[in-house]
């Protein structure tokens, strides 16, 4: 079930990043967007290729937002292909799927992660929606949300 949930999040995230749908539609949120960025480290080392998933705690915030970390662990959230996250409160999940060799998996709609032998490399306490305790609040002016994670 966990792998299925992650697949749904990943495919949804790819659609969000790609800006699926009408260009004039914009993000599905009643809340305005605000800049949301930060850095993700695991045991004081930057994590590359991790998805930072902003899962809204209120139904009027649309689908939330997602960011992908670069080689330095930095990310910028986007909602519906537009930079920023809807203003509001979030549960955060951080997921990084890797293939059997440890290489980051970049899934597409044509090639789901399961077809690539992808497995979750982040501890469940960060990647599993049911148990992640990571939270943040995106205010009107936006913010920087760093996540200093540990493998223990």
Protein backbone atom coordinates (compact mmCIF):
# COMPACT_ATOMS: atom_id res chain seq x y z
CA UNK A 1 0.00 0.00 0.00
CA UNK A 2 2.86 2.38 0.85
CA UNK A 3 4.47 1.87 -2.58
CA UNK A 4 1.11 2.52 -4.26
CA UNK A 5 0.66 5.75 -2.27
CA UNK A 6 4.17 6.88 -3.20
CA UNK A 7 3.50 6.10 -6.84
CA UNK A 8 0.33 8.20 -6.74
CA UNK A 9 2.24 11.06 -5.10
CA UNK A 10 5.06 10.78 -7.62
CA UNK A 11 2.82 10.73 -10.68
CA UNK A 12 0.75 13.58 -9.25
CA UNK A 13 3.95 15.50 -8.52
CA UNK A 14 5.24 15.00 -12.03
CA UNK A 15 1.93 16.32 -13.39
CA UNK A 16 2.16 19.30 -11.06
CA UNK A 17 5.73 20.07 -12.11
CA UNK A 18 4.91 19.64 -15.77
CA UNK A 19 1.99 22.03 -15.47
CA UNK A 20 -0.61 19.63 -16.85
CA UNK A 21 -3.89 21.10 -17.97
CA UNK A 22 -4.81 24.44 -19.35
CA UNK A 23 -2.20 27.17 -19.15
CA UNK A 24 -4.85 29.58 -17.97
CA UNK A 25 -6.16 27.24 -15.26
CA UNK A 26 -3.24 27.76 -12.85
CA UNK A 27 -3.05 25.94 -9.52
CA UNK A 28 -6.21 24.47 -8.01
CA UNK A 29 -6.18 26.57 -4.87
CA UNK A 30 -8.22 29.30 -3.35
CA UNK A 31 -5.23 30.46 -1.29
CA UNK A 32 -2.70 32.78 -2.95
CA UNK A 33 0.74 31.38 -3.75
CA UNK A 34 3.81 32.42 -1.78
CA UNK A 35 7.47 31.53 -2.32
CA UNK A 36 8.49 28.34 -0.51
CA UNK A 37 12.06 27.11 -0.73
CA UNK A 38 14.69 25.51 1.43
CA UNK A 39 17.36 22.87 1.80
CA UNK A 40 17.13 19.18 2.70
CA UNK A 41 19.99 17.35 4.38
CA UNK A 42 20.24 13.84 5.77
CA UNK A 43 22.88 13.38 8.46
CA UNK A 44 24.30 16.81 7.54
CA UNK A 45 24.71 15.88 3.85
CA UNK A 46 22.61 17.44 1.06
CA UNK A 47 20.12 15.10 -0.59
CA UNK A 48 19.87 15.33 -4.38
CA UNK A 49 16.75 14.27 -6.26
CA UNK A 50 14.38 14.20 -3.29
CA UNK A 51 10.76 15.28 -3.64
CA UNK A 52 9.61 17.71 -0.95
CA UNK A 53 5.84 17.23 -0.92
CA UNK A 54 3.69 19.95 0.65
CA UNK A 55 0.45 18.12 1.57
CA UNK A 56 -2.22 20.67 2.57
CA UNK A 57 -3.99 20.36 5.90
CA UNK A 58 -7.02 22.34 4.63
CA UNK A 59 -9.23 21.41 1.69
CA UNK A 60 -9.29 24.96 0.23
CA UNK A 61 -5.57 24.81 -0.55
CA UNK A 62 -5.83 22.68 -3.68
CA UNK A 63 -3.30 19.93 -4.27
CA UNK A 64 -0.47 21.57 -2.32
CA UNK A 65 2.96 21.89 -3.88
CA UNK A 66 6.13 19.96 -4.61
CA UNK A 67 9.82 20.73 -5.03
CA UNK A 68 12.77 18.62 -6.18
CA UNK A 69 16.16 19.01 -4.52
CA UNK A 70 19.29 19.79 -6.51
CA UNK A 71 22.86 18.59 -5.85
CA UNK A 72 23.16 21.01 -2.91
CA UNK A 73 19.82 19.87 -1.41
CA UNK A 74 18.05 23.09 -2.39
CA UNK A 75 14.47 23.11 -3.67
CA UNK A 76 11.75 25.57 -4.67
CA UNK A 77 8.13 24.51 -4.37
CA UNK A 78 5.68 24.81 -7.25
CA UNK A 79 1.92 24.31 -7.48
CA UNK A 80 0.32 23.52 -10.82
CA UNK A 81 3.50 24.45 -12.64
CA UNK A 82 3.61 27.88 -10.96
CA UNK A 83 6.38 28.77 -8.50
CA UNK A 84 5.23 28.90 -4.89
CA UNK A 85 2.88 27.09 -2.54
CA UNK A 86 -0.63 28.07 -1.47
CA UNK A 87 -0.62 30.00 1.81
CA UNK A 88 -1.49 27.69 4.68
CA UNK A 89 -0.45 24.75 6.86
CA UNK A 90 1.18 21.60 5.53
CA UNK A 91 2.31 18.13 6.41
CA UNK A 92 5.62 17.53 4.64
CA UNK A 93 6.85 14.29 3.14
CA UNK A 94 10.32 13.89 1.72
CA UNK A 95 10.77 11.02 -0.70
CA UNK A 96 13.70 9.91 -2.82
CA UNK A 97 13.21 6.89 -5.05
CA UNK A 98 16.30 5.00 -6.23
CA UNK A 99 16.93 2.04 -8.52
CA UNK A 100 18.78 -1.10 -7.33
CA UNK A 101 22.15 0.61 -7.98
CA UNK A 102 21.22 3.62 -5.80
CA UNK A 103 20.72 6.01 -8.71
CA UNK A 104 17.83 8.46 -8.35
CA UNK A 105 14.81 7.34 -10.34
CA UNK A 106 13.08 9.89 -12.51
CA UNK A 107 9.71 8.42 -13.31
CA UNK A 108 7.44 9.45 -16.13
CA UNK A 109 3.82 8.70 -16.85
CA UNK A 110 5.01 6.16 -19.43
CA UNK A 111 7.49 4.50 -17.04
CA UNK A 112 6.26 4.30 -13.45
CA UNK A 113 8.85 3.88 -10.67
CA UNK A 114 7.82 0.27 -9.97
CA UNK A 115 8.79 -0.65 -13.56
CA UNK A 116 12.26 0.72 -12.89
CA UNK A 117 12.74 -1.30 -9.68
CA UNK A 118 12.48 1.88 -7.62
CA UNK A 119 12.55 1.74 -3.84
CA UNK A 120 12.27 4.47 -1.22
CA UNK A 121 15.66 5.56 0.10
CA UNK A 122 14.46 8.02 2.76
CA UNK A 123 13.51 6.83 6.24
CA UNK A 124 9.78 6.15 6.58
CA UNK A 125 9.51 8.75 9.35
CA UNK A 126 9.95 11.36 6.58
CA UNK A 127 8.58 9.69 3.45
CA UNK A 128 5.44 7.97 4.77
CA UNK A 129 2.39 10.25 4.87
CA UNK A 130 0.86 8.30 7.74
CA UNK A 131 3.80 8.87 10.12
CA UNK A 132 5.69 11.95 8.93
CA UNK A 133 5.77 14.56 11.68
CA UNK A 134 7.29 17.24 9.43
CA UNK A 135 5.11 20.33 9.18
CA UNK A 136 5.36 23.92 8.04
CA UNK A 137 3.22 27.00 7.56
CA UNK A 138 3.58 29.02 4.37
CA UNK A 139 2.74 32.63 5.25
CA UNK A 140 1.67 35.34 2.80
CA UNK A 141 5.27 36.52 2.40
CA UNK A 142 6.52 32.97 1.82
CA UNK A 143 9.44 31.44 3.63
CA UNK A 144 12.46 29.21 3.77
CA UNK A 145 11.82 25.71 5.06
CA UNK A 146 14.99 23.73 5.73
CA UNK A 147 14.71 20.10 6.74
CA UNK A 148 17.70 18.72 8.64
CA UNK A 149 16.91 15.01 8.72
CA UNK A 150 18.67 12.15 10.46
CA UNK A 151 18.77 8.49 9.51
CA UNK A 152 18.27 7.44 13.14
